[in-house]
Amino acid sequence: MFGYPKVMPLNPARLLLLTACGALLAAEPNTPKAKPSEPTVFLTAEAAGPAFLLQGEFTTAGHGANIIALGGDQYRLVLFAGGLPGDGWDRSPRVEMEGKSDGAKVSFAPKSGEARATLADGTLTVTRPGADPLAFRRVVRHSPTEGAPPPAGAKVLFDGKDASAWKDGKIDERGFLRCGTTSKETFRDYTLHLEFLLPFKPYARGQGRANSGVYHQDRYEVQVLDSFGLKGENNECGGIYTISAPKLNLCYPPLQWQTYDVEFTAARFDAQGQRTAPARITVRHNGVLIQDDVALPRTTTSSGIKTITDTPGPFQLQEHGNPVYYRNIWVVAK
């Protein structure tokens, strides 16, 4: 069921059109620029404009790259040897460069060293002293479990039409479930599948950038955050908040659907009510194993249930001031 994320090259004709549109928008003198003190939130690529079109994932033989939009004309480039995280990266140190756009072109330079990079006409070109230039093309990856149908015996919690399984569940006009809700039913041991969509917030940083979380038994949070291109800490996407960092940062760029596939085993107690074993969790993010049977010794911050007892609990899709959306949620109780 699981494997490397599916990689779909971006159609060159479409990319050329998008880049041209981005250049026109960037050149428009009446287009207001948001200030870093006033983060702008975009829910669609069309609304996001040229900054969104320039960021993303890029690959060439034996190499991968992330370009992250940081608001205004600022960008960051992260280079990976071997390929993209979860698809070839050899875990060697990442190389980062800061960049600045001029219309539809972005130029990058490292803090030290002589390597340089340029993004233009949909191609990222990296030049290094004494080596041939590397030409990267943009790709859009899809999780191998995106759209996974519920198996026999699964409980469907959200199918895009009915939010009655959720307390005050709100569905938008696209058929997506807004964060800020808790399941009415409670669960003990289970397999969970869900899909989430992060908004694009180029000026936001850290925990302000598309923050939400999936709480298991409303006790233990698997973080949801736009941590595209970051190192992968325990408070970033895929982290078990303050407990365990993901093995890899598999976060896609914002406005792409992502998946969590989770195996959860509740804490165990003896006849006297004493805990004999902690809860344990395994998480696959976009089809890649990032948390492997991790013990959960305590509840995480902002959990709805603060104590660990021998009682089941609900799912919480955390509201943290960001419009994060969910779809295709189903669970198989064990």
C-alpha atoms as a PDB file:
ATOM      1  CA  MET A   1       0.000   0.000   0.000  1.00  0.00           C
ATOM      2  CA  PHE A   2       2.885   2.319   0.722  1.00  0.00           C
ATOM      3  CA  GLY A   3       5.893   3.402  -1.319  1.00  0.00           C
ATOM      4  CA  TYR A   4       7.642   6.450  -2.612  1.00  0.00           C
ATOM      5  CA  PRO A   5       5.379   9.382  -3.458  1.00  0.00           C
ATOM      6  CA  LYS A   6       4.253   9.525  -7.060  1.00  0.00           C
ATOM      7  CA  VAL A   7       6.197  12.166  -8.995  1.00  0.00           C
ATOM      8  CA  MET A   8       4.401  14.021 -11.757  1.00  0.00           C
ATOM      9  CA  PRO A   9       6.485  16.367 -13.922  1.00  0.00           C
ATOM     10  CA  LEU A  10       4.760  19.680 -14.464  1.00  0.00           C
ATOM     11  CA  ASN A  11       3.557  19.991 -18.055  1.00  0.00           C
ATOM     12  CA  PRO A  12       6.085  22.329 -19.772  1.00  0.00           C
ATOM     13  CA  ALA A  13       3.398  24.207 -21.685  1.00  0.00           C
ATOM     14  CA  ARG A  14       1.383  24.786 -18.524  1.00  0.00           C
ATOM     15  CA  LEU A  15       4.480  25.865 -16.603  1.00  0.00           C
ATOM     16  CA  LEU A  16       5.428  28.317 -19.344  1.00  0.00           C
ATOM     17  CA  LEU A  17       1.923  29.789 -19.240  1.00  0.00           C
ATOM     18  CA  LEU A  18       1.956  30.025 -15.438  1.00  0.00           C
ATOM     19  CA  THR A  19       5.406  31.628 -15.453  1.00  0.00           C
ATOM     20  CA  ALA A  20       4.334  34.147 -18.059  1.00  0.00           C
ATOM     21  CA  CYS A  21       1.252  35.006 -16.019  1.00  0.00           C
ATOM     22  CA  GLY A  22       3.456  35.336 -12.956  1.00  0.00           C
ATOM     23  CA  ALA A  23       5.749  37.757 -14.747  1.00  0.00           C
ATOM     24  CA  LEU A  24       2.808  39.911 -15.801  1.00  0.00           C
ATOM     25  CA  LEU A  25       1.413  39.956 -12.273  1.00  0.00           C
ATOM     26  CA  ALA A  26       4.822  40.757 -10.798  1.00  0.00           C
ATOM     27  CA  ALA A  27       5.174  43.668 -13.203  1.00  0.00           C
ATOM     28  CA  GLU A  28       1.742  45.109 -12.440  1.00  0.00           C
ATOM     29  CA  PRO A  29       2.428  48.493 -10.728  1.00  0.00           C
ATOM     30  CA  ASN A  30      -0.925  48.562  -8.927  1.00  0.00           C
ATOM     31  CA  THR A  31      -0.544  45.149  -7.277  1.00  0.00           C
ATOM     32  CA  PRO A  32      -0.256  45.796  -3.522  1.00  0.00           C
ATOM     33  CA  LYS A  33       2.502  44.041  -1.595  1.00  0.00           C
ATOM     34  CA  ALA A  34       1.692  42.572   1.783  1.00  0.00           C
ATOM     35  CA  LYS A  35       3.869  43.616   4.698  1.00  0.00           C
ATOM     36  CA  PRO A  36       5.600  40.989   6.817  1.00  0.00           C
ATOM     37  CA  SER A  37       3.671  42.302   9.834  1.00  0.00           C
ATOM     38  CA  GLU A  38       0.420  41.498   8.015  1.00  0.00           C
ATOM     39  CA  PRO A  39       0.682  37.875   6.805  1.00  0.00           C
ATOM     40  CA  THR A  40      -1.470  37.133   3.790  1.00  0.00           C
ATOM     41  CA  VAL A  41      -3.306  33.807   3.533  1.00  0.00           C
ATOM     42  CA  PHE A  42      -4.025  32.188   0.178  1.00  0.00           C
ATOM     43  CA  LEU A  43      -6.297  29.179  -0.270  1.00  0.00           C
ATOM     44  CA  THR A  44      -5.813  28.636  -4.017  1.00  0.00           C
ATOM     45  CA  ALA A  45      -2.877  28.822  -6.421  1.00  0.00           C
ATOM     46  CA  GLU A  46      -4.820  31.260  -8.588  1.00  0.00           C
ATOM     47  CA  ALA A  47      -5.167  33.717  -5.708  1.00  0.00           C
ATOM     48  CA  ALA A  48      -1.578  33.244  -4.536  1.00  0.00           C
ATOM     49  CA  GLY A  49      -0.069  34.753  -7.687  1.00  0.00           C
ATOM     50  CA  PRO A  50       3.530  34.761  -8.928  1.00  0.00           C
ATOM     51  CA  ALA A  51       5.269  34.057  -5.601  1.00  0.00           C
ATOM     52  CA  PHE A  52       3.485  30.729  -5.318  1.00  0.00           C
ATOM     53  CA  LEU A  53       4.248  29.769  -8.915  1.00  0.00           C
ATOM     54  CA  LEU A  54       8.000  30.146  -8.380  1.00  0.00           C
ATOM     55  CA  GLN A  55       8.274  27.870  -5.355  1.00  0.00           C
ATOM     56  CA  GLY A  56       8.077  24.090  -5.250  1.00  0.00           C
ATOM     57  CA  GLU A  57      10.087  20.886  -5.663  1.00  0.00           C
ATOM     58  CA  PHE A  58      12.676  20.394  -8.405  1.00  0.00           C
ATOM     59  CA  THR A  59      14.715  17.384  -9.511  1.00  0.00           C
ATOM     60  CA  THR A  60      17.516  16.326 -11.815  1.00  0.00           C
ATOM     61  CA  ALA A  61      19.489  13.084 -11.932  1.00  0.00           C
ATOM     62  CA  GLY A  62      20.975  12.479  -8.477  1.00  0.00           C
ATOM     63  CA  HIS A  63      19.770  15.736  -6.956  1.00  0.00           C
ATOM     64  CA  GLY A  64      16.656  17.351  -5.474  1.00  0.00           C
ATOM     65  CA  ALA A  65      15.744  20.906  -4.525  1.00  0.00           C
ATOM     66  CA  ASN A  66      13.111  22.877  -2.639  1.00  0.00           C
ATOM     67  CA  ILE A  67      12.354  26.522  -3.372  1.00  0.00           C
ATOM     68  CA  ILE A  68      10.450  28.230  -0.566  1.00  0.00           C
ATOM     69  CA  ALA A  69       8.605  31.534  -0.980  1.00  0.00           C
ATOM     70  CA  LEU A  70       9.278  33.848   1.985  1.00  0.00           C
ATOM     71  CA  GLY A  71       7.150  36.841   1.059  1.00  0.00           C
ATOM     72  CA  GLY A  72       7.745  39.778  -1.263  1.00  0.00           C
ATOM     73  CA  ASP A  73      10.726  38.999  -3.482  1.00  0.00           C
ATOM     74  CA  GLN A  74      12.499  36.712  -0.986  1.00  0.00           C
ATOM     75  CA  TYR A  75      13.090  32.971  -1.537  1.00  0.00           C
ATOM     76  CA  ARG A  76      15.186  30.165  -0.103  1.00  0.00           C
ATOM     77  CA  LEU A  77      16.734  27.275  -2.032  1.00  0.00           C
ATOM     78  CA  VAL A  78      17.509  23.950  -0.318  1.00  0.00           C
ATOM     79  CA  LEU A  79      19.580  21.378  -2.232  1.00  0.00           C
ATOM     80  CA  PHE A  80      19.603  17.631  -1.476  1.00  0.00           C
ATOM     81  CA  ALA A  81      22.193  15.137  -2.740  1.00  0.00           C
ATOM     82  CA  GLY A  82      20.692  11.966  -4.203  1.00  0.00           C
ATOM     83  CA  GLY A  83      17.168  13.272  -4.722  1.00  0.00           C
ATOM     84  CA  LEU A  84      14.240  14.666  -2.774  1.00  0.00           C
ATOM     85  CA  PRO A  85      13.449  13.617   0.814  1.00  0.00           C
ATOM     86  CA  GLY A  86      11.725  10.245   0.662  1.00  0.00           C
ATOM     87  CA  ASP A  87      12.812   9.792  -2.944  1.00  0.00           C
ATOM     88  CA  GLY A  88      16.574   9.391  -3.028  1.00  0.00           C
ATOM     89  CA  TRP A  89      18.053  11.931  -0.620  1.00  0.00           C
ATOM     90  CA  ASP A  90      21.169  10.327   0.917  1.00  0.00           C
ATOM     91  CA  ARG A  91      20.813  12.217   4.228  1.00  0.00           C
ATOM     92  CA  SER A  92      24.007  14.200   3.631  1.00  0.00           C
ATOM     93  CA  PRO A  93      23.985  17.860   4.795  1.00  0.00           C
ATOM     94  CA  ARG A  94      21.623  20.130   2.908  1.00  0.00           C
ATOM     95  CA  VAL A  95      22.918  23.176   1.058  1.00  0.00           C
ATOM     96  CA  GLU A  96      20.896  26.380   1.455  1.00  0.00           C
ATOM     97  CA  MET A  97      20.950  29.613  -0.537  1.00  0.00           C
ATOM     98  CA  GLU A  98      19.003  32.826  -0.126  1.00  0.00           C
ATOM     99  CA  GLY A  99      17.392  34.315  -3.214  1.00  0.00           C
ATOM    100  CA  LYS A 100      15.647  37.358  -4.576  1.00  0.00           C
ATOM    101  CA  SER A 101      13.243  37.588  -7.483  1.00  0.00           C
ATOM    102  CA  ASP A 102      13.235  40.017 -10.373  1.00  0.00           C
ATOM    103  CA  GLY A 103       9.917  39.450 -12.123  1.00  0.00           C
ATOM    104  CA  ALA A 104       9.746  35.749 -12.998  1.00  0.00           C
ATOM    105  CA  LYS A 105      13.460  35.161 -12.351  1.00  0.00           C
ATOM    106  CA  VAL A 106      15.032  34.291  -8.992  1.00  0.00           C
ATOM    107  CA  SER A 107      18.765  34.487  -8.305  1.00  0.00           C
ATOM    108  CA  PHE A 108      20.313  32.570  -5.382  1.00  0.00           C
ATOM    109  CA  ALA A 109      23.681  32.830  -3.641  1.00  0.00           C
ATOM    110  CA  PRO A 110      25.000  30.849  -0.645  1.00  0.00           C
ATOM    111  CA  LYS A 111      26.171  32.424   2.592  1.00  0.00           C
ATOM    112  CA  SER A 112      29.639  31.122   1.738  1.00  0.00           C
ATOM    113  CA  GLY A 113      31.186  29.368  -1.244  1.00  0.00           C
ATOM    114  CA  GLU A 114      31.048  29.985  -4.954  1.00  0.00           C
ATOM    115  CA  ALA A 115      27.988  28.016  -6.045  1.00  0.00           C
ATOM    116  CA  ARG A 116      25.157  29.992  -7.591  1.00  0.00           C
ATOM    117  CA  ALA A 117      21.651  29.212  -8.796  1.00  0.00           C
ATOM    118  CA  THR A 118      19.026  30.809 -11.005  1.00  0.00           C
ATOM    119  CA  LEU A 119      15.377  29.977 -11.576  1.00  0.00           C
ATOM    120  CA  ALA A 120      14.101  31.156 -14.942  1.00  0.00           C
ATOM    121  CA  ASP A 121      11.555  29.875 -17.463  1.00  0.00           C
ATOM    122  CA  GLY A 122      10.718  26.920 -15.221  1.00  0.00           C
ATOM    123  CA  THR A 123      14.307  25.648 -14.969  1.00  0.00           C
ATOM    124  CA  LEU A 124      16.494  25.844 -11.882  1.00  0.00           C
ATOM    125  CA  THR A 125      20.151  26.028 -12.929  1.00  0.00           C
ATOM    126  CA  VAL A 126      22.866  25.428 -10.331  1.00  0.00           C
ATOM    127  CA  THR A 127      26.452  26.332 -11.226  1.00  0.00           C
ATOM    128  CA  ARG A 128      29.464  25.147  -9.248  1.00  0.00           C
ATOM    129  CA  PRO A 129      33.181  25.828  -9.787  1.00  0.00           C
ATOM    130  CA  GLY A 130      34.845  23.017 -11.693  1.00  0.00           C
ATOM    131  CA  ALA A 131      31.598  21.148 -12.423  1.00  0.00           C
ATOM    132  CA  ASP A 132      28.983  21.090 -15.153  1.00  0.00           C
ATOM    133  CA  PRO A 133      25.823  23.093 -14.467  1.00  0.00           C
ATOM    134  CA  LEU A 134      22.835  21.189 -13.095  1.00  0.00           C
ATOM    135  CA  ALA A 135      19.437  21.819 -14.688  1.00  0.00           C
ATOM    136  CA  PHE A 136      16.438  20.990 -12.469  1.00  0.00           C
ATOM    137  CA  ARG A 137      12.809  20.765 -13.572  1.00  0.00           C
ATOM    138  CA  ARG A 138       9.834  21.320 -11.312  1.00  0.00           C
ATOM    139  CA  VAL A 139       7.803  18.281 -10.205  1.00  0.00           C
ATOM    140  CA  VAL A 140       4.570  17.904  -8.265  1.00  0.00           C
ATOM    141  CA  ARG A 141       4.540  14.820  -6.053  1.00  0.00           C
ATOM    142  CA  HIS A 142       1.417  12.978  -4.938  1.00  0.00           C
ATOM    143  CA  SER A 143       1.169  10.619  -1.992  1.00  0.00           C
ATOM    144  CA  PRO A 144       0.599   6.992  -3.045  1.00  0.00           C
ATOM    145  CA  THR A 145      -2.300   6.888  -0.542  1.00  0.00           C
ATOM    146  CA  GLU A 146      -3.996  10.085  -1.736  1.00  0.00           C
ATOM    147  CA  GLY A 147      -7.629   9.233  -2.385  1.00  0.00           C
ATOM    148  CA  ALA A 148      -7.291   5.806  -0.735  1.00  0.00           C
ATOM    149  CA  PRO A 149     -10.785   4.273  -0.437  1.00  0.00           C
ATOM    150  CA  PRO A 150     -11.936   3.018   2.963  1.00  0.00           C
ATOM    151  CA  PRO A 151     -11.485  -0.759   3.250  1.00  0.00           C
ATOM    152  CA  ALA A 152     -14.207  -3.159   4.334  1.00  0.00           C
ATOM    153  CA  GLY A 153     -15.111  -2.555   7.954  1.00  0.00           C
ATOM    154  CA  ALA A 154     -13.847   1.039   8.010  1.00  0.00           C
ATOM    155  CA  LYS A 155     -15.782   3.821   9.704  1.00  0.00           C
ATOM    156  CA  VAL A 156     -15.987   6.808   7.347  1.00  0.00           C
ATOM    157  CA  LEU A 157     -15.685  10.008   9.363  1.00  0.00           C
ATOM    158  CA  PHE A 158     -15.708  12.443   6.442  1.00  0.00           C
ATOM    159  CA  ASP A 159     -16.464  11.874   2.766  1.00  0.00           C
ATOM    160  CA  GLY A 160     -16.798  15.465   1.554  1.00  0.00           C
ATOM    161  CA  LYS A 161     -20.573  15.541   1.937  1.00  0.00           C
ATOM    162  CA  ASP A 162     -21.491  14.879   5.553  1.00  0.00           C
ATOM    163  CA  ALA A 163     -19.838  16.370   8.652  1.00  0.00           C
ATOM    164  CA  SER A 164     -22.296  14.884  11.118  1.00  0.00           C
ATOM    165  CA  ALA A 165     -19.535  12.717  12.649  1.00  0.00           C
ATOM    166  CA  TRP A 166     -17.882  15.922  13.924  1.00  0.00           C
ATOM    167  CA  LYS A 167     -18.854  18.399  16.618  1.00  0.00           C
ATOM    168  CA  ASP A 168     -19.702  21.680  14.882  1.00  0.00           C
ATOM    169  CA  GLY A 169     -18.081  20.328  11.716  1.00  0.00           C
ATOM    170  CA  LYS A 170     -17.947  22.915   8.915  1.00  0.00           C
ATOM    171  CA  ILE A 171     -17.704  22.036   5.223  1.00  0.00           C
ATOM    172  CA  ASP A 172     -16.624  24.725   2.768  1.00  0.00           C
ATOM    173  CA  GLU A 173     -17.967  25.160  -0.757  1.00  0.00           C
ATOM    174  CA  ARG A 174     -15.288  22.802  -2.107  1.00  0.00           C
ATOM    175  CA  GLY A 175     -16.401  19.946   0.132  1.00  0.00           C
ATOM    176  CA  PHE A 176     -13.484  20.175   2.581  1.00  0.00           C
ATOM    177  CA  LEU A 177     -13.723  19.934   6.373  1.00  0.00           C
ATOM    178  CA  ARG A 178     -12.386  22.972   8.221  1.00  0.00           C
ATOM    179  CA  CYS A 179     -10.085  22.437  11.191  1.00  0.00           C
ATOM    180  CA  GLY A 180     -11.419  23.240  14.648  1.00  0.00           C
ATOM    181  CA  THR A 181     -13.558  20.190  15.290  1.00  0.00           C
ATOM    182  CA  THR A 182     -13.578  16.948  17.295  1.00  0.00           C
ATOM    183  CA  SER A 183     -15.047  13.602  16.341  1.00  0.00           C
ATOM    184  CA  LYS A 184     -18.190  12.583  18.186  1.00  0.00           C
ATOM    185  CA  GLU A 185     -17.118   8.956  18.368  1.00  0.00           C
ATOM    186  CA  THR A 186     -14.195   7.774  20.487  1.00  0.00           C
ATOM    187  CA  PHE A 187     -11.554   5.168  19.630  1.00  0.00           C
ATOM    188  CA  ARG A 188      -9.008   2.931  21.343  1.00  0.00           C
ATOM    189  CA  ASP A 189      -6.759   1.049  18.865  1.00  0.00           C
ATOM    190  CA  TYR A 190      -7.056   1.800  15.158  1.00  0.00           C
ATOM    191  CA  THR A 191      -5.702   2.538  11.706  1.00  0.00           C
ATOM    192  CA  LEU A 192      -6.445   6.095  10.546  1.00  0.00           C
ATOM    193  CA  HIS A 193      -6.250   7.660   7.094  1.00  0.00           C
ATOM    194  CA  LEU A 194      -6.767  11.364   6.432  1.00  0.00           C
ATOM    195  CA  GLU A 195      -5.714  14.005   3.944  1.00  0.00           C
ATOM    196  CA  PHE A 196      -4.923  17.653   4.660  1.00  0.00           C
ATOM    197  CA  LEU A 197      -4.391  20.871   2.728  1.00  0.00           C
ATOM    198  CA  LEU A 198      -2.162  23.690   4.004  1.00  0.00           C
ATOM    199  CA  PRO A 199      -2.817  27.323   3.058  1.00  0.00           C
ATOM    200  CA  PHE A 200      -0.034  29.414   1.527  1.00  0.00           C
ATOM    201  CA  LYS A 201       1.245  32.027   4.003  1.00  0.00           C
ATOM    202  CA  PRO A 202       4.503  33.367   2.532  1.00  0.00           C
ATOM    203  CA  TYR A 203       5.137  36.016   5.188  1.00  0.00           C
ATOM    204  CA  ALA A 204       4.442  33.759   8.176  1.00  0.00           C
ATOM    205  CA  ARG A 205       7.201  31.937  10.011  1.00  0.00           C
ATOM    206  CA  GLY A 206       7.497  29.005  12.385  1.00  0.00           C
ATOM    207  CA  GLN A 207       4.318  28.019  14.204  1.00  0.00           C
ATOM    208  CA  GLY A 208       2.375  30.764  12.432  1.00  0.00           C
ATOM    209  CA  ARG A 209       2.688  29.094   9.058  1.00  0.00           C
ATOM    210  CA  ALA A 210      -0.440  26.965   8.479  1.00  0.00           C
ATOM    211  CA  ASN A 211      -0.599  25.471  11.976  1.00  0.00           C
ATOM    212  CA  SER A 212      -3.032  22.694  12.917  1.00  0.00           C
ATOM    213  CA  GLY A 213      -2.695  19.216  14.386  1.00  0.00           C
ATOM    214  CA  VAL A 214      -4.276  15.774  14.432  1.00  0.00           C
ATOM    215  CA  TYR A 215      -4.853  14.702  18.034  1.00  0.00           C
ATOM    216  CA  HIS A 216      -5.183  10.980  18.698  1.00  0.00           C
ATOM    217  CA  GLN A 217      -7.611  10.181  21.511  1.00  0.00           C
ATOM    218  CA  ASP A 218      -7.476  13.980  21.922  1.00  0.00           C
ATOM    219  CA  ARG A 219      -4.303  13.281  23.924  1.00  0.00           C
ATOM    220  CA  TYR A 220      -1.404  13.037  21.482  1.00  0.00           C
ATOM    221  CA  GLU A 221      -0.743  15.495  18.635  1.00  0.00           C
ATOM    222  CA  VAL A 222       0.801  14.743  15.283  1.00  0.00           C
ATOM    223  CA  GLN A 223       1.692  18.238  14.126  1.00  0.00           C
ATOM    224  CA  VAL A 224       0.317  19.746  10.940  1.00  0.00           C
ATOM    225  CA  LEU A 225       2.351  22.725   9.708  1.00  0.00           C
ATOM    226  CA  ASP A 226       3.784  24.220   6.549  1.00  0.00           C
ATOM    227  CA  SER A 227       7.337  23.064   7.202  1.00  0.00           C
ATOM    228  CA  PHE A 228       8.167  22.607   3.508  1.00  0.00           C
ATOM    229  CA  GLY A 229      11.932  22.769   3.123  1.00  0.00           C
ATOM    230  CA  LEU A 230      12.664  22.909   6.872  1.00  0.00           C
ATOM    231  CA  LYS A 231      14.796  20.474   8.887  1.00  0.00           C
ATOM    232  CA  GLY A 232      11.983  18.373  10.378  1.00  0.00           C
ATOM    233  CA  GLU A 233      11.692  19.057  14.127  1.00  0.00           C
ATOM    234  CA  ASN A 234       9.223  17.644  16.635  1.00  0.00           C
ATOM    235  CA  ASN A 235       7.102  20.799  16.337  1.00  0.00           C
ATOM    236  CA  GLU A 236       7.014  20.650  12.523  1.00  0.00           C
ATOM    237  CA  CYS A 237       4.851  18.680  10.132  1.00  0.00           C
ATOM    238  CA  GLY A 238       4.925  14.987  10.991  1.00  0.00           C
ATOM    239  CA  GLY A 239       6.402  15.577  14.424  1.00  0.00           C
ATOM    240  CA  ILE A 240       4.788  14.201  17.564  1.00  0.00           C
ATOM    241  CA  TYR A 241       4.643  17.539  19.301  1.00  0.00           C
ATOM    242  CA  THR A 242       7.572  17.975  21.742  1.00  0.00           C
ATOM    243  CA  ILE A 243       8.093  14.187  21.851  1.00  0.00           C
ATOM    244  CA  SER A 244       9.509  12.877  18.552  1.00  0.00           C
ATOM    245  CA  ALA A 245      10.859  14.512  15.400  1.00  0.00           C
ATOM    246  CA  PRO A 246      10.006  12.802  12.096  1.00  0.00           C
ATOM    247  CA  LYS A 247      12.652  10.580  10.534  1.00  0.00           C
ATOM    248  CA  LEU A 248      12.315  12.714   7.390  1.00  0.00           C
ATOM    249  CA  ASN A 249      10.577  15.965   6.603  1.00  0.00           C
ATOM    250  CA  LEU A 250       8.094  14.823   3.950  1.00  0.00           C
ATOM    251  CA  CYS A 251       6.087  18.041   3.892  1.00  0.00           C
ATOM    252  CA  TYR A 252       5.006  19.027   0.384  1.00  0.00           C
ATOM    253  CA  PRO A 253       4.600  22.683  -0.593  1.00  0.00           C
ATOM    254  CA  PRO A 254       1.392  24.361   0.614  1.00  0.00           C
ATOM    255  CA  LEU A 255      -1.813  23.962  -1.429  1.00  0.00           C
ATOM    256  CA  GLN A 256      -0.950  20.334  -2.289  1.00  0.00           C
ATOM    257  CA  TRP A 257      -2.942  17.524  -0.695  1.00  0.00           C
ATOM    258  CA  GLN A 258      -0.949  15.459   1.789  1.00  0.00           C
ATOM    259  CA  THR A 259      -1.706  12.250   3.681  1.00  0.00           C
ATOM    260  CA  TYR A 260      -1.247  10.768   7.123  1.00  0.00           C
ATOM    261  CA  ASP A 261      -1.635   7.021   7.575  1.00  0.00           C
ATOM    262  CA  VAL A 262      -1.471   6.119  11.254  1.00  0.00           C
ATOM    263  CA  GLU A 263      -1.349   2.960  13.335  1.00  0.00           C
ATOM    264  CA  PHE A 264      -2.287   3.734  16.946  1.00  0.00           C
ATOM    265  CA  THR A 265      -2.253   1.484  20.010  1.00  0.00           C
ATOM    266  CA  ALA A 266      -3.695   2.891  23.233  1.00  0.00           C
ATOM    267  CA  ALA A 267      -1.954   2.771  26.601  1.00  0.00           C
ATOM    268  CA  ARG A 268      -2.468  -0.410  28.586  1.00  0.00           C
ATOM    269  CA  PHE A 269      -3.540  -0.734  32.223  1.00  0.00           C
ATOM    270  CA  ASP A 270      -3.715  -3.537  34.775  1.00  0.00           C
ATOM    271  CA  ALA A 271      -6.719  -4.538  36.885  1.00  0.00           C
ATOM    272  CA  GLN A 272      -5.810  -1.919  39.489  1.00  0.00           C
ATOM    273  CA  GLY A 273      -5.822   0.855  36.885  1.00  0.00           C
ATOM    274  CA  GLN A 274      -2.041   1.260  36.794  1.00  0.00           C
ATOM    275  CA  ARG A 275      -0.532   1.954  33.399  1.00  0.00           C
ATOM    276  CA  THR A 276       1.582  -0.974  32.240  1.00  0.00           C
ATOM    277  CA  ALA A 277       2.498   0.267  28.753  1.00  0.00           C
ATOM    278  CA  PRO A 278       2.402   3.660  27.019  1.00  0.00           C
ATOM    279  CA  ALA A 279       0.419   4.366  23.890  1.00  0.00           C
ATOM    280  CA  ARG A 280       2.378   3.789  20.686  1.00  0.00           C
ATOM    281  CA  ILE A 281       2.086   5.349  17.239  1.00  0.00           C
ATOM    282  CA  THR A 282       3.394   4.745  13.725  1.00  0.00           C
ATOM    283  CA  VAL A 283       2.945   7.492  11.122  1.00  0.00           C
ATOM    284  CA  ARG A 284       3.437   7.501   7.373  1.00  0.00           C
ATOM    285  CA  HIS A 285       3.473  10.966   5.832  1.00  0.00           C
ATOM    286  CA  ASN A 286       2.771  10.988   2.114  1.00  0.00           C
ATOM    287  CA  GLY A 287       3.394   7.238   2.088  1.00  0.00           C
ATOM    288  CA  VAL A 288       6.807   7.367   3.790  1.00  0.00           C
ATOM    289  CA  LEU A 289       7.470   6.037   7.307  1.00  0.00           C
ATOM    290  CA  ILE A 290       8.387   8.980   9.552  1.00  0.00           C
ATOM    291  CA  GLN A 291       7.411   7.741  13.053  1.00  0.00           C
ATOM    292  CA  ASP A 292       8.115   4.077  13.752  1.00  0.00           C
ATOM    293  CA  ASP A 293       6.234   2.577  16.713  1.00  0.00           C
ATOM    294  CA  VAL A 294       7.033   5.564  18.937  1.00  0.00           C
ATOM    295  CA  ALA A 295       6.102   5.368  22.634  1.00  0.00           C
ATOM    296  CA  LEU A 296       3.938   8.244  23.924  1.00  0.00           C
ATOM    297  CA  PRO A 297       4.819   8.716  27.601  1.00  0.00           C
ATOM    298  CA  ARG A 298       2.594  11.756  28.160  1.00  0.00           C
ATOM    299  CA  THR A 299      -0.090  13.868  26.568  1.00  0.00           C
ATOM    300  CA  THR A 300       1.022  16.686  24.284  1.00  0.00           C
ATOM    301  CA  THR A 301       0.438  20.426  24.545  1.00  0.00           C
ATOM    302  CA  SER A 302      -3.113  21.706  23.924  1.00  0.00           C
ATOM    303  CA  SER A 303      -4.657  18.253  24.119  1.00  0.00           C
ATOM    304  CA  GLY A 304      -8.322  18.236  25.007  1.00  0.00           C
ATOM    305  CA  ILE A 305      -7.846  15.295  27.409  1.00  0.00           C
ATOM    306  CA  LYS A 306      -4.996  15.977  29.834  1.00  0.00           C
ATOM    307  CA  THR A 307      -4.850  12.614  31.589  1.00  0.00           C
ATOM    308  CA  ILE A 308      -3.965   9.141  30.329  1.00  0.00           C
ATOM    309  CA  THR A 309      -6.584   6.617  31.409  1.00  0.00           C
ATOM    310  CA  ASP A 310      -8.015   3.355  30.152  1.00  0.00           C
ATOM    311  CA  THR A 311     -10.752   5.134  28.215  1.00  0.00           C
ATOM    312  CA  PRO A 312     -10.937   5.764  24.464  1.00  0.00           C
ATOM    313  CA  GLY A 313     -10.855   9.279  23.064  1.00  0.00           C
ATOM    314  CA  PRO A 314     -11.871  11.245  19.956  1.00  0.00           C
ATOM    315  CA  PHE A 315      -9.895  12.780  17.128  1.00  0.00           C
ATOM    316  CA  GLN A 316      -9.306  16.506  17.306  1.00  0.00           C
ATOM    317  CA  LEU A 317      -8.443  18.518  14.180  1.00  0.00           C
ATOM    318  CA  GLN A 318      -6.881  21.478  15.901  1.00  0.00           C
ATOM    319  CA  GLU A 319      -7.845  25.082  15.217  1.00  0.00           C
ATOM    320  CA  HIS A 320      -4.766  27.257  15.639  1.00  0.00           C
ATOM    321  CA  GLY A 321      -5.746  30.380  13.756  1.00  0.00           C
ATOM    322  CA  ASN A 322      -5.018  28.962  10.303  1.00  0.00           C
ATOM    323  CA  PRO A 323      -7.448  27.752   7.603  1.00  0.00           C
ATOM    324  CA  VAL A 324      -6.277  24.139   7.302  1.00  0.00           C
ATOM    325  CA  TYR A 325      -8.673  21.713   5.592  1.00  0.00           C
ATOM    326  CA  TYR A 326      -9.172  17.949   5.686  1.00  0.00           C
ATOM    327  CA  ARG A 327     -10.825  15.307   3.513  1.00  0.00           C
ATOM    328  CA  ASN A 328     -11.157  11.525   3.040  1.00  0.00           C
ATOM    329  CA  ILE A 329     -11.033  10.598   6.730  1.00  0.00           C
ATOM    330  CA  TRP A 330     -11.654   6.985   7.702  1.00  0.00           C
ATOM    331  CA  VAL A 331     -10.694   4.724  10.574  1.00  0.00           C
ATOM    332  CA  VAL A 332     -10.512   0.959  11.113  1.00  0.00           C
ATOM    333  CA  ALA A 333     -10.946   0.000  14.756  1.00  0.00           C
ATOM    334  CA  LYS A 334      -8.868  -2.962  15.984  1.00  0.00           C
END
